[in-house]
Structure formats: C-alpha cells, structure tokens
C-alpha cells in the first residue's frame, strides 16, 4: 500500500469520527440537528464515493505497480540466471585456467630441467671443444715430428736401396761364382767317371798290374772326396747368401697367404642352466724348432682366456683346415716361453696332407733391426723396427706407430705374427707393444680336446697360466 492511499484512509476515518460525535446541545434543537445530520450523510456519501474512486484508482495503480514489480522480478530472475550461468562459466574457465596454470608450471619445470641439461651439455661440449683444441695442437706437433721422421725414413730407404743394389751385385757375382763351381763339379764328376772306367779296364789286366790299379782307385777316391767337399761348400755358400740376404716383405706376405691355416675353436659352455656352443675363428701357421711341429696362436683368439671363468667349460674342440683338408688335433698346449701363446701339436704327415709349409724358428733373430709383421687375420702387413730390452729377456719391443711410404700407417696389435727378414718365424705379439720370441716350442701346460674335461683339469691348467702370467715382468703384462 502506497503513502497516498494511506493518507486518504486516515482522512476518511477522521471525518467519520467527527460526523458521529454528539456535542452538548439542547435536545430542543433536535429538528435542526436532523437537518445537519442529513447534510452530513449526504456529505459522507459523496466522500465515500470519492474514497471508493480514489481506492479504485489506487488499487489499479497498485496492481500496475505490482505487475511492474513482477516484471522487474522476472527480469531480475532472468538476469540472476544469466549471472549464475556466467558465474558457472567463470568457474569453469577458472578451473580450466588453474589446470592450464598447473600444466604450465609442470612444463616450466620440465623446461627448467631441460635447460639445466642443455647447460650441462653446453659445458661438456665446451670441455670437449677445449680438449679437441689441445689434441689438435698436439696432433699438429706430432704431424711435424712424423714429417721429420718421414724425411729420415726416406733417407734410410735411399740408403737401403743403395745397399740392396750393392747386395744384388754381390748376389750376381756369387751366382756367377756358383756357376763356375758347378762347372768345376761337373768336370770333376766327368773325371771321376772316366777314372772309374779306367779302373774297370784295369781289373781285366794281369795280376802284375794290381798295385797300379790300387793306386788308381785311391786317386779316384781322393778325387771323389774332393768333389763331395766342393759340393758341400757350394751348398754352404748358398745358405750363407740366403741367411744374409733380406727377403722382400711382399714375398713374405705372399708366402704367408699361401701357407696360412684356418683354425676353428668350438666350445661347450654351461651358462644360465643350459649348455651353449661358442665358436671362435683365427688363422695360424705351422712352426717348428727342429723337433716337433705346432700351429700357434694367441690365447685371446681361442675360447679360453686369463679373464674368463674356466669352471663353465665342458668341452673344447679345434679344427685345422687348408685347401679343403681338415685335421682335428687331440691336445691344446701352452708354451713355456709365455702363458699367452697357445700351440697345437701337428704330426708332420698331417702337415703334408694339409699342404702347408713349415716355418722354422729364427736361428739369428737379431741379425736385422727390422721385422715383417702380419696381422693375425691377414688384413695388413708391414716392416716394423724392434729393440731389445735388458729388463725383458725373451721379448722385443715393437714400435707402437709406424709410418712407411711403402705400406701405409698401421699399429701392431695383439696376436700379430712377426717374421724375420729372412722369412723365419720370429715371434708373436702378446700385446700391442711386446713380441714374445718363439725360439723353442717347449710345452708347459696341456689340456685334452674333443672330450669332456674331468677332475678340474681345465681349471688347474688356467690357474697355472695365471700364476705364470702374474710373475712376468710388468713391462710385458
């Protein structure tokens, strides 16, 4: 209810109260009062009508105001619904923003870690770059040294070429001398034959000439002995020339390719609850010291090794093959000169059946200051200088780096075979620097092949090898 309607009602009630009030008048004036009363009633009727009109108008206004208020309420509820929807959207966006913020935090953390790793990589690269700079300067200095060494080598090659030319001239002269000696030998043989014929003729003569025949026989015997001595000297001369004349490295390598033997090691090893078969291949040659013949190889090229546990091995077999022929030896031995040199004894008739030639150990290994080194796989070869060391008897030290105009640059490695300049067997590389001289083929330990090991025989053999290795000079271990 508004204020205007309230005021009208209050005025109406006030007028009604006033019209009904009786004042202290004389009852005699009743007639006059009745007239006033009629007037008041008429007035009240008019006022009631005005009041009704006013109330009707006010009610209509009130209804219009309520409808307007209801419309405002509906609009406000719609606005409130829109705001609640907007609030929900904002809450959703807020949660999405929070999720995005969390993801961004994680991504930022990952990026920081990646940045730290990148920084570490940059530091490492910088360190490597500095190290490479130092190595580059060292390499440049080494290159200058190698260039100087190359010049010295070229001078040595020129000098050796001159010496080779002089040696060839001496060989030609020696060959001419040999031919002359051969002619003398043939002449002496013809003379001996002629004298023998004379002796046969003298046998038919009379008894009186027997003494002369005996003298002739003695003379013929002396001449035949002279011829034999001359032939022996000729052979000695040829042997002396051969032992003093170095063989070209190309020829030594070509002979090695023709005489090398393929060695295949097959072993059965118990591991992880089952027996597995392993195979190792290498190449070898037949070597003799004048007694037996062995095929030798470095221990690292066999299934065995000083660093491996021998307890798991059940059986080891070896097959030697050449030109389609094969031989399965029954024993694997280890030489007394170094525990890392393995040797397989091979009968001479089997060597002939396989078709390989025998390399004999060098009688004078230090006649030349250089040797011919051939890789165990036959991949490279070259001439290598070596030196003796009083602290390591039985070994020679090879140059760790060679730069030769003839054969290129290479480094010796474990298991390489070393030959003297006369084509004899000099030794085998036990590491990248030291060569064990194979002067004999004396065996220290042996294990059976092609059968199961019994009574810890392999374990005992490897233990003995390790003990011998531990007492070697530090320079060759």
Protein backbone atom coordinates (compact mmCIF):
# COMPACT_ATOMS: atom_id res chain seq x y z
CA UNK A 1 0.00 0.00 0.00
CA UNK A 2 1.45 3.39 -1.02
CA UNK A 3 1.52 6.59 1.09
CA UNK A 4 -1.24 8.42 -0.87
CA UNK A 5 -3.81 5.69 -0.17
CA UNK A 6 -2.84 5.64 3.48
CA UNK A 7 -3.39 9.38 3.83
CA UNK A 8 -6.84 9.13 2.20
CA UNK A 9 -7.93 6.39 4.59
CA UNK A 10 -6.75 8.36 7.56
CA UNK A 11 -8.67 11.48 6.41
CA UNK A 12 -11.83 9.40 5.83
CA UNK A 13 -11.70 7.87 9.29
CA UNK A 14 -11.12 11.28 10.85
CA UNK A 15 -14.14 12.79 9.09
CA UNK A 16 -16.32 9.81 10.06
CA UNK A 17 -15.41 10.21 13.71
CA UNK A 18 -16.13 13.92 13.59
CA UNK A 19 -19.53 13.39 11.93
CA UNK A 20 -20.64 10.88 14.54
CA UNK A 21 -19.66 12.98 17.54
CA UNK A 22 -22.59 14.48 19.65
CA UNK A 23 -21.90 17.79 21.17
CA UNK A 24 -23.64 19.37 24.31
CA UNK A 25 -26.64 20.94 22.58
CA UNK A 26 -30.11 21.29 23.67
CA UNK A 27 -32.37 18.47 22.85
CA UNK A 28 -34.87 21.08 21.77
CA UNK A 29 -32.89 21.76 18.77
CA UNK A 30 -33.46 18.25 17.50
CA UNK A 31 -35.07 19.43 14.34
CA UNK A 32 -32.07 21.48 13.42
CA UNK A 33 -29.80 18.53 14.23
CA UNK A 34 -31.72 16.26 11.97
CA UNK A 35 -31.20 18.64 9.11
CA UNK A 36 -27.46 18.78 9.84
CA UNK A 37 -27.43 15.04 10.03
CA UNK A 38 -28.97 14.71 6.63
CA UNK A 39 -26.44 17.14 5.31
CA UNK A 40 -23.65 15.15 6.92
CA UNK A 41 -24.98 11.91 5.46
CA UNK A 42 -25.05 13.44 2.01
CA UNK A 43 -21.60 14.74 2.52
CA UNK A 44 -20.43 11.32 3.77
CA UNK A 45 -21.96 9.66 0.74
CA UNK A 46 -20.03 11.97 -1.54
CA UNK A 47 -16.90 11.40 0.41
CA UNK A 48 -17.39 7.63 0.34
CA UNK A 49 -17.82 7.81 -3.39
CA UNK A 50 -14.68 9.87 -3.70
CA UNK A 51 -12.95 7.47 -1.40
CA UNK A 52 -14.08 4.49 -3.47
CA UNK A 53 -12.90 6.20 -6.62
CA UNK A 54 -9.63 7.00 -5.01
CA UNK A 55 -9.28 3.45 -3.66
CA UNK A 56 -10.13 2.02 -7.08
CA UNK A 57 -7.57 4.26 -8.72
CA UNK A 58 -5.06 3.41 -6.04
CA UNK A 59 -5.83 -0.29 -6.44
CA UNK A 60 -5.29 -0.05 -10.18
CA UNK A 61 -2.07 1.82 -9.61
CA UNK A 62 -1.11 -0.78 -7.00
CA UNK A 63 -1.89 -3.58 -9.47
CA UNK A 64 0.09 -1.81 -12.18
CA UNK A 65 2.93 -1.32 -9.71
CA UNK A 66 2.74 -5.00 -8.68
CA UNK A 67 2.74 -6.09 -12.33
CA UNK A 68 5.69 -3.79 -12.99
CA UNK A 69 7.34 -5.17 -9.87
CA UNK A 70 6.58 -8.74 -11.02
CA UNK A 71 8.05 -7.88 -14.44
CA UNK A 72 11.11 -6.44 -12.73
CA UNK A 73 11.29 -9.56 -10.57
CA UNK A 74 11.15 -11.76 -13.65
CA UNK A 75 13.76 -9.64 -15.37
CA UNK A 76 15.93 -9.74 -12.26
CA UNK A 77 15.48 -13.52 -12.00
CA UNK A 78 16.41 -13.85 -15.67
CA UNK A 79 19.38 -11.54 -15.06
CA UNK A 80 20.22 -13.57 -11.95
CA UNK A 81 20.03 -16.79 -14.01
CA UNK A 82 22.28 -15.21 -16.63
CA UNK A 83 24.67 -14.10 -13.92
CA UNK A 84 24.64 -17.57 -12.34
CA UNK A 85 25.31 -19.08 -15.77
CA UNK A 86 28.08 -16.53 -16.25
CA UNK A 87 29.39 -17.42 -12.78
CA UNK A 88 29.38 -21.10 -13.70
CA UNK A 89 31.17 -20.27 -16.94
CA UNK A 90 33.64 -18.19 -15.00
CA UNK A 91 34.14 -21.03 -12.52
CA UNK A 92 34.66 -23.45 -15.41
CA UNK A 93 37.09 -21.01 -17.04
CA UNK A 94 38.76 -20.54 -13.67
CA UNK A 95 39.23 -24.31 -13.26
CA UNK A 96 40.45 -24.55 -16.84
CA UNK A 97 42.81 -21.66 -16.15
CA UNK A 98 44.02 -23.36 -12.97
CA UNK A 99 44.58 -26.61 -14.91
CA UNK A 100 46.39 -24.68 -17.62
CA UNK A 101 48.40 -22.91 -14.96
CA UNK A 102 49.34 -26.26 -13.37
CA UNK A 103 50.26 -27.66 -16.80
CA UNK A 104 52.27 -24.52 -17.49
CA UNK A 105 54.01 -24.94 -14.13
CA UNK A 106 54.90 -28.55 -14.98
CA UNK A 107 56.00 -27.53 -18.45
CA UNK A 108 58.02 -24.71 -16.94
CA UNK A 109 59.63 -27.18 -14.51
CA UNK A 110 60.39 -29.56 -17.41
CA UNK A 111 61.78 -26.68 -19.43
CA UNK A 112 63.95 -25.65 -16.48
CA UNK A 113 65.27 -29.21 -16.17
CA UNK A 114 65.81 -29.36 -19.91
CA UNK A 115 67.56 -26.03 -19.72
CA UNK A 116 69.79 -27.36 -16.95
CA UNK A 117 70.58 -30.46 -19.05
CA UNK A 118 71.23 -28.25 -22.06
CA UNK A 119 73.53 -26.11 -19.95
CA UNK A 120 75.38 -29.24 -18.81
CA UNK A 121 75.60 -30.40 -22.44
CA UNK A 122 76.94 -26.99 -23.41
CA UNK A 123 79.53 -27.23 -20.62
CA UNK A 124 80.50 -30.74 -21.73
CA UNK A 125 80.71 -29.64 -25.36
CA UNK A 126 82.82 -26.69 -24.33
CA UNK A 127 85.10 -29.04 -22.38
CA UNK A 128 85.31 -31.42 -25.33
CA UNK A 129 85.98 -28.48 -27.62
CA UNK A 130 88.83 -27.32 -25.40
CA UNK A 131 90.18 -30.88 -25.24
CA UNK A 132 89.95 -31.22 -29.02
CA UNK A 133 91.81 -27.93 -29.41
CA UNK A 134 94.58 -29.27 -27.20
CA UNK A 135 94.62 -32.57 -29.09
CA UNK A 136 94.65 -30.70 -32.40
CA UNK A 137 97.71 -28.75 -31.29
CA UNK A 138 99.33 -31.97 -30.10
CA UNK A 139 98.41 -33.66 -33.40
CA UNK A 140 99.94 -30.77 -35.30
CA UNK A 141 103.15 -31.14 -33.33
CA UNK A 142 103.08 -34.89 -33.83
CA UNK A 143 102.48 -34.34 -37.55
CA UNK A 144 105.60 -32.21 -37.73
CA UNK A 145 107.53 -34.91 -35.90
CA UNK A 146 106.15 -37.56 -38.24
CA UNK A 147 107.11 -35.40 -41.22
CA UNK A 148 110.64 -35.19 -39.91
CA UNK A 149 110.61 -38.92 -39.25
CA UNK A 150 109.32 -39.45 -42.80
CA UNK A 151 112.24 -37.48 -44.20
CA UNK A 152 114.62 -39.59 -42.13
CA UNK A 153 112.87 -42.76 -43.29
CA UNK A 154 113.13 -41.66 -46.90
CA UNK A 155 116.83 -41.11 -46.43
CA UNK A 156 117.13 -44.53 -44.81
CA UNK A 157 115.15 -46.07 -47.68
CA UNK A 158 117.51 -44.45 -50.20
CA UNK A 159 120.47 -45.78 -48.25
CA UNK A 160 118.90 -49.23 -48.02
CA UNK A 161 118.08 -49.14 -51.72
CA UNK A 162 121.73 -48.42 -52.40
CA UNK A 163 122.73 -51.24 -50.08
CA UNK A 164 120.21 -53.51 -51.81
CA UNK A 165 121.71 -52.62 -55.18
CA UNK A 166 125.16 -53.44 -53.88
CA UNK A 167 123.85 -56.69 -52.37
CA UNK A 168 122.24 -57.62 -55.68
CA UNK A 169 125.55 -57.04 -57.44
CA UNK A 170 127.21 -59.27 -54.87
CA UNK A 171 124.49 -61.86 -55.41
CA UNK A 172 125.08 -61.75 -59.17
CA UNK A 173 128.80 -62.19 -58.57
CA UNK A 174 128.09 -65.02 -56.13
CA UNK A 175 125.78 -66.68 -58.63
CA UNK A 176 128.48 -66.44 -61.28
CA UNK A 177 130.92 -67.98 -58.82
CA UNK A 178 128.42 -70.74 -58.07
CA UNK A 179 128.02 -71.42 -61.78
CA UNK A 180 131.78 -71.65 -62.10
CA UNK A 181 131.88 -74.02 -59.14
CA UNK A 182 129.07 -76.07 -60.69
CA UNK A 183 131.11 -76.33 -63.86
CA UNK A 184 134.09 -77.46 -61.82
CA UNK A 185 131.88 -80.00 -60.07
CA UNK A 186 130.61 -81.36 -63.39
CA UNK A 187 134.19 -81.54 -64.69
CA UNK A 188 135.26 -83.38 -61.55
CA UNK A 189 132.32 -85.78 -61.93
CA UNK A 190 133.29 -86.47 -65.53
CA UNK A 191 136.83 -87.04 -64.43
CA UNK A 192 135.64 -89.37 -61.70
CA UNK A 193 133.52 -91.26 -64.22
CA UNK A 194 136.46 -91.51 -66.59
CA UNK A 195 138.70 -92.75 -63.79
CA UNK A 196 136.10 -95.31 -62.76
CA UNK A 197 136.04 -96.58 -66.34
CA UNK A 198 139.82 -96.84 -66.27
CA UNK A 199 139.58 -98.75 -63.01
CA UNK A 200 137.14 -101.21 -64.60
CA UNK A 201 139.51 -101.69 -67.51
CA UNK A 202 142.44 -102.23 -65.18
CA UNK A 203 140.57 -105.02 -63.39
CA UNK A 204 140.87 -107.15 -66.55
CA UNK A 205 144.64 -106.77 -66.64
CA UNK A 206 147.15 -109.18 -65.17
CA UNK A 207 147.94 -109.64 -61.50
CA UNK A 208 151.16 -107.78 -62.01
CA UNK A 209 149.31 -104.51 -62.57
CA UNK A 210 147.22 -104.89 -59.36
CA UNK A 211 149.38 -102.48 -57.47
CA UNK A 212 148.91 -99.79 -60.10
CA UNK A 213 145.16 -100.40 -60.06
CA UNK A 214 145.05 -99.98 -56.29
CA UNK A 215 146.89 -96.66 -56.59
CA UNK A 216 144.46 -95.57 -59.31
CA UNK A 217 141.49 -96.46 -57.06
CA UNK A 218 143.00 -94.45 -54.22
CA UNK A 219 143.46 -91.50 -56.55
CA UNK A 220 139.86 -91.83 -57.78
CA UNK A 221 138.64 -91.92 -54.16
CA UNK A 222 140.53 -88.76 -53.34
CA UNK A 223 139.08 -87.02 -56.36
CA UNK A 224 135.53 -88.13 -55.45
CA UNK A 225 136.03 -86.85 -51.90
CA UNK A 226 137.24 -83.54 -53.28
CA UNK A 227 134.14 -83.32 -55.45
CA UNK A 228 131.87 -84.01 -52.41
CA UNK A 229 133.63 -81.39 -50.34
CA UNK A 230 133.27 -78.90 -53.17
CA UNK A 231 129.53 -79.60 -53.41
CA UNK A 232 129.13 -79.15 -49.64
CA UNK A 233 130.97 -75.84 -49.78
CA UNK A 234 128.72 -74.72 -52.63
CA UNK A 235 125.63 -75.52 -50.54
CA UNK A 236 127.13 -73.70 -47.57
CA UNK A 237 127.79 -70.68 -49.75
CA UNK A 238 124.20 -70.67 -50.96
CA UNK A 239 122.91 -70.98 -47.38
CA UNK A 240 125.20 -68.17 -46.21
CA UNK A 241 123.97 -65.92 -49.03
CA UNK A 242 120.34 -66.75 -48.20
CA UNK A 243 120.78 -66.06 -44.47
CA UNK A 244 122.41 -62.69 -45.16
CA UNK A 245 120.00 -61.50 -47.85
CA UNK A 246 116.68 -59.99 -46.61
CA UNK A 247 113.53 -61.13 -48.36
CA UNK A 248 111.09 -58.57 -49.66
CA UNK A 249 108.10 -58.04 -47.31
CA UNK A 250 105.71 -58.58 -50.23
CA UNK A 251 107.19 -62.03 -50.80
CA UNK A 252 106.93 -62.93 -47.09
CA UNK A 253 103.28 -61.85 -47.00
CA UNK A 254 102.52 -63.76 -50.21
CA UNK A 255 104.08 -66.91 -48.71
CA UNK A 256 102.00 -66.39 -45.56
CA UNK A 257 98.78 -66.19 -47.59
CA UNK A 258 99.70 -69.44 -49.33
CA UNK A 259 100.61 -71.27 -46.10
CA UNK A 260 98.15 -69.92 -43.51
CA UNK A 261 95.77 -72.39 -41.89
CA UNK A 262 92.22 -71.69 -40.72
CA UNK A 263 91.71 -72.66 -37.06
CA UNK A 264 88.13 -73.05 -35.74
CA UNK A 265 87.61 -73.44 -31.97
CA UNK A 266 84.30 -74.92 -30.82
CA UNK A 267 83.50 -74.91 -27.11
CA UNK A 268 80.58 -76.04 -24.97
CA UNK A 269 79.95 -73.70 -22.02
CA UNK A 270 77.43 -74.22 -19.21
CA UNK A 271 75.67 -70.90 -18.55
CA UNK A 272 72.27 -69.93 -17.07
CA UNK A 273 71.16 -73.50 -16.61
CA UNK A 274 71.97 -74.72 -20.12
CA UNK A 275 74.93 -75.70 -22.28
CA UNK A 276 75.64 -73.23 -25.12
CA UNK A 277 78.01 -73.71 -28.04
CA UNK A 278 80.51 -70.97 -28.91
CA UNK A 279 82.79 -70.65 -31.93
CA UNK A 280 86.00 -68.66 -32.44
CA UNK A 281 87.95 -68.40 -35.71
CA UNK A 282 91.53 -67.35 -36.36
CA UNK A 283 94.39 -68.07 -38.75
CA UNK A 284 97.66 -69.76 -37.85
CA UNK A 285 100.79 -71.28 -39.40
CA UNK A 286 102.87 -74.40 -38.80
CA UNK A 287 106.04 -73.64 -36.80
CA UNK A 288 108.95 -75.98 -35.95
CA UNK A 289 112.07 -75.61 -33.83
CA UNK A 290 113.70 -78.62 -35.50
CA UNK A 291 111.86 -81.10 -33.28
CA UNK A 292 108.06 -81.09 -33.41
CA UNK A 293 105.58 -79.02 -35.42
CA UNK A 294 102.93 -76.80 -33.81
CA UNK A 295 100.20 -74.45 -35.01
CA UNK A 296 100.47 -71.38 -32.75
CA UNK A 297 98.04 -68.59 -31.86
CA UNK A 298 97.46 -66.02 -29.12
CA UNK A 299 95.33 -67.16 -26.17
CA UNK A 300 92.83 -64.31 -26.79
CA UNK A 301 91.97 -65.81 -30.19
CA UNK A 302 90.81 -69.03 -28.52
CA UNK A 303 87.64 -69.54 -26.43
CA UNK A 304 89.82 -69.58 -23.32
CA UNK A 305 91.39 -66.57 -21.66
CA UNK A 306 93.01 -65.49 -18.43
CA UNK A 307 89.98 -63.32 -17.59
CA UNK A 308 87.32 -65.98 -18.28
CA UNK A 309 85.94 -68.41 -15.71
CA UNK A 310 87.04 -71.91 -16.80
CA UNK A 311 84.57 -73.67 -14.50
CA UNK A 312 81.74 -73.37 -17.05
CA UNK A 313 83.61 -75.06 -19.94
CA UNK A 314 82.56 -78.63 -20.66
CA UNK A 315 84.47 -79.36 -23.88
CA UNK A 316 86.75 -77.63 -26.42
CA UNK A 317 87.49 -78.82 -29.96
CA UNK A 318 89.81 -77.48 -32.68
CA UNK A 319 89.67 -77.96 -36.43
CA UNK A 320 92.59 -77.02 -38.72
CA UNK A 321 91.62 -76.54 -42.37
CA UNK A 322 93.57 -75.75 -45.53
CA UNK A 323 92.76 -76.31 -49.21
CA UNK A 324 89.70 -78.40 -48.35
CA UNK A 325 91.62 -80.71 -46.00
CA UNK A 326 90.92 -80.81 -42.24
CA UNK A 327 92.61 -82.16 -39.13
CA UNK A 328 91.20 -82.38 -35.60
CA UNK A 329 94.06 -82.39 -33.04
CA UNK A 330 93.59 -84.05 -29.66
CA UNK A 331 95.69 -81.72 -27.45
CA UNK A 332 95.91 -77.96 -26.89
CA UNK A 333 99.18 -76.85 -25.27
CA UNK A 334 100.65 -73.63 -23.88
CA UNK A 335 104.31 -72.78 -24.41
CA UNK A 336 106.67 -72.21 -21.52
CA UNK A 337 108.11 -69.03 -23.06
CA UNK A 338 104.82 -67.13 -22.39
CA UNK A 339 101.45 -68.33 -20.97
CA UNK A 340 99.57 -66.38 -23.64
CA UNK A 341 100.97 -68.43 -26.55
CA UNK A 342 98.75 -71.43 -27.37
CA UNK A 343 100.09 -74.25 -29.55
CA UNK A 344 98.50 -77.29 -31.19
CA UNK A 345 100.92 -80.14 -31.96
CA UNK A 346 100.53 -81.48 -35.52
CA UNK A 347 102.29 -84.59 -36.93
CA UNK A 348 104.45 -83.96 -39.99
CA UNK A 349 102.43 -86.35 -42.13
CA UNK A 350 99.28 -84.34 -41.31
CA UNK A 351 101.12 -81.13 -42.27
CA UNK A 352 101.95 -82.68 -45.64
CA UNK A 353 98.33 -83.82 -46.04
CA UNK A 354 97.04 -80.31 -45.33
CA UNK A 355 99.53 -78.89 -47.80
CA UNK A 356 101.03 -76.15 -45.62
CA UNK A 357 104.71 -75.29 -45.44
CA UNK A 358 106.58 -75.25 -42.13
CA UNK A 359 108.15 -72.05 -40.74
CA UNK A 360 111.28 -72.68 -38.70
CA UNK A 361 112.25 -70.57 -35.72
CA UNK A 362 114.89 -67.91 -36.42
CA UNK A 363 118.47 -69.02 -35.67
CA UNK A 364 119.77 -65.45 -35.64
CA UNK A 365 116.71 -63.32 -34.76
CA UNK A 366 118.69 -60.11 -34.23
CA UNK A 367 120.65 -60.09 -37.50
CA UNK A 368 118.34 -57.38 -38.84
CA UNK A 369 116.88 -54.50 -36.82
CA UNK A 370 113.55 -54.74 -38.65
CA UNK A 371 110.96 -57.49 -38.92
CA UNK A 372 107.87 -58.14 -41.03
CA UNK A 373 104.62 -58.00 -39.03
CA UNK A 374 101.45 -59.68 -40.40
CA UNK A 375 98.04 -59.21 -38.83
CA UNK A 376 96.50 -62.41 -37.38
CA UNK A 377 93.60 -62.04 -39.82
CA UNK A 378 95.87 -61.28 -42.76
CA UNK A 379 94.39 -57.77 -43.14
CA UNK A 380 97.66 -55.83 -43.24
CA UNK A 381 101.41 -56.26 -43.08
CA UNK A 382 104.50 -54.08 -42.95
CA UNK A 383 108.06 -53.64 -41.82
CA UNK A 384 108.48 -52.82 -38.13
CA UNK A 385 111.56 -51.80 -36.20
CA UNK A 386 112.15 -53.55 -32.88
CA UNK A 387 114.51 -53.08 -29.96
CA UNK A 388 115.87 -55.29 -27.21
CA UNK A 389 115.24 -54.54 -23.54
CA UNK A 390 117.54 -55.90 -20.85
CA UNK A 391 114.63 -55.94 -18.37
CA UNK A 392 112.51 -58.27 -20.54
CA UNK A 393 114.64 -61.12 -21.88
CA UNK A 394 112.81 -63.28 -24.38
CA UNK A 395 110.82 -60.28 -25.67
CA UNK A 396 111.45 -57.43 -28.09
CA UNK A 397 109.62 -54.07 -28.21
CA UNK A 398 107.92 -53.05 -31.43
CA UNK A 399 107.25 -49.52 -32.50
CA UNK A 400 103.68 -48.67 -31.46
CA UNK A 401 103.21 -46.46 -34.54
CA UNK A 402 104.76 -46.93 -37.98
CA UNK A 403 104.68 -44.53 -40.92
CA UNK A 404 106.08 -46.18 -44.03
CA UNK A 405 105.93 -44.91 -47.57
CA UNK A 406 105.62 -48.48 -48.81
CA UNK A 407 102.89 -49.95 -46.62
CA UNK A 408 100.96 -47.03 -45.13
CA UNK A 409 100.26 -46.26 -41.49
CA UNK A 410 99.34 -49.03 -39.03
CA UNK A 411 99.87 -50.14 -35.44
CA UNK A 412 100.82 -53.63 -34.17
CA UNK A 413 98.09 -55.44 -32.25
CA UNK A 414 97.74 -58.47 -30.01
CA UNK A 415 98.10 -61.79 -31.84
CA UNK A 416 100.01 -60.44 -34.86
CA UNK A 417 102.69 -62.78 -36.24
CA UNK A 418 106.25 -61.48 -36.61
CA UNK A 419 108.73 -62.85 -39.18
CA UNK A 420 112.43 -62.16 -39.57
CA UNK A 421 113.70 -60.54 -42.77
CA UNK A 422 114.92 -64.00 -43.87
CA UNK A 423 111.37 -65.40 -43.73
CA UNK A 424 111.77 -67.34 -40.47
CA UNK A 425 109.38 -67.29 -37.52
CA UNK A 426 110.49 -64.57 -35.09
CA UNK A 427 107.62 -64.40 -32.57
CA UNK A 428 104.04 -63.41 -31.76
CA UNK A 429 102.68 -60.13 -30.34
CA UNK A 430 101.48 -60.77 -26.76
CA UNK A 431 100.17 -57.19 -26.53
CA UNK A 432 100.26 -54.04 -28.68
CA UNK A 433 103.92 -53.33 -27.90
CA UNK A 434 105.79 -56.54 -26.96
CA UNK A 435 106.63 -59.54 -29.11
CA UNK A 436 107.43 -62.89 -27.44
CA UNK A 437 110.35 -64.53 -29.25
CA UNK A 438 109.44 -68.06 -30.33
CA UNK A 439 112.88 -69.63 -30.03
CA UNK A 440 111.56 -73.04 -28.98
CA UNK A 441 108.29 -74.95 -28.66
CA UNK A 442 108.68 -76.32 -25.15
CA UNK A 443 105.23 -77.09 -23.70
CA UNK A 444 104.31 -76.18 -20.09
CA UNK A 445 100.56 -77.00 -19.77
CA UNK A 446 98.23 -79.13 -21.90
CA UNK A 447 94.50 -79.87 -22.00
CA UNK A 448 92.65 -82.57 -23.97
CA UNK A 449 90.45 -81.67 -26.93
CA UNK A 450 87.26 -83.25 -28.31
CA UNK A 451 86.29 -84.72 -24.95
CA UNK A 452 84.73 -83.64 -21.66
CA UNK A 453 87.04 -82.16 -19.05
CA UNK A 454 87.47 -84.20 -15.90
CA UNK A 455 88.83 -83.64 -12.39
CA UNK A 456 89.19 -79.85 -12.79
CA UNK A 457 91.93 -80.33 -15.38
CA UNK A 458 90.96 -77.15 -17.30
CA UNK A 459 90.63 -75.12 -14.06
CA UNK A 460 94.09 -76.30 -12.94
CA UNK A 461 95.63 -75.50 -16.33
CA UNK A 462 94.18 -71.96 -16.42
CA UNK A 463 95.24 -71.42 -12.79
CA UNK A 464 98.80 -72.38 -13.74
CA UNK A 465 98.68 -69.96 -16.70
CA UNK A 466 97.52 -67.13 -14.44
CA UNK A 467 100.30 -67.88 -11.95
CA UNK A 468 102.91 -67.72 -14.71
CA UNK A 469 101.37 -64.53 -16.07
CA UNK A 470 101.47 -62.83 -12.65
CA UNK A 471 105.26 -63.34 -12.33
CA UNK A 472 106.05 -61.89 -15.77
CA UNK A 473 107.84 -58.51 -15.84
CA UNK A 474 105.42 -55.59 -15.51
CA UNK A 475 106.50 -54.22 -18.90
CA UNK A 476 105.06 -57.24 -20.77
CA UNK A 477 101.84 -57.68 -18.76
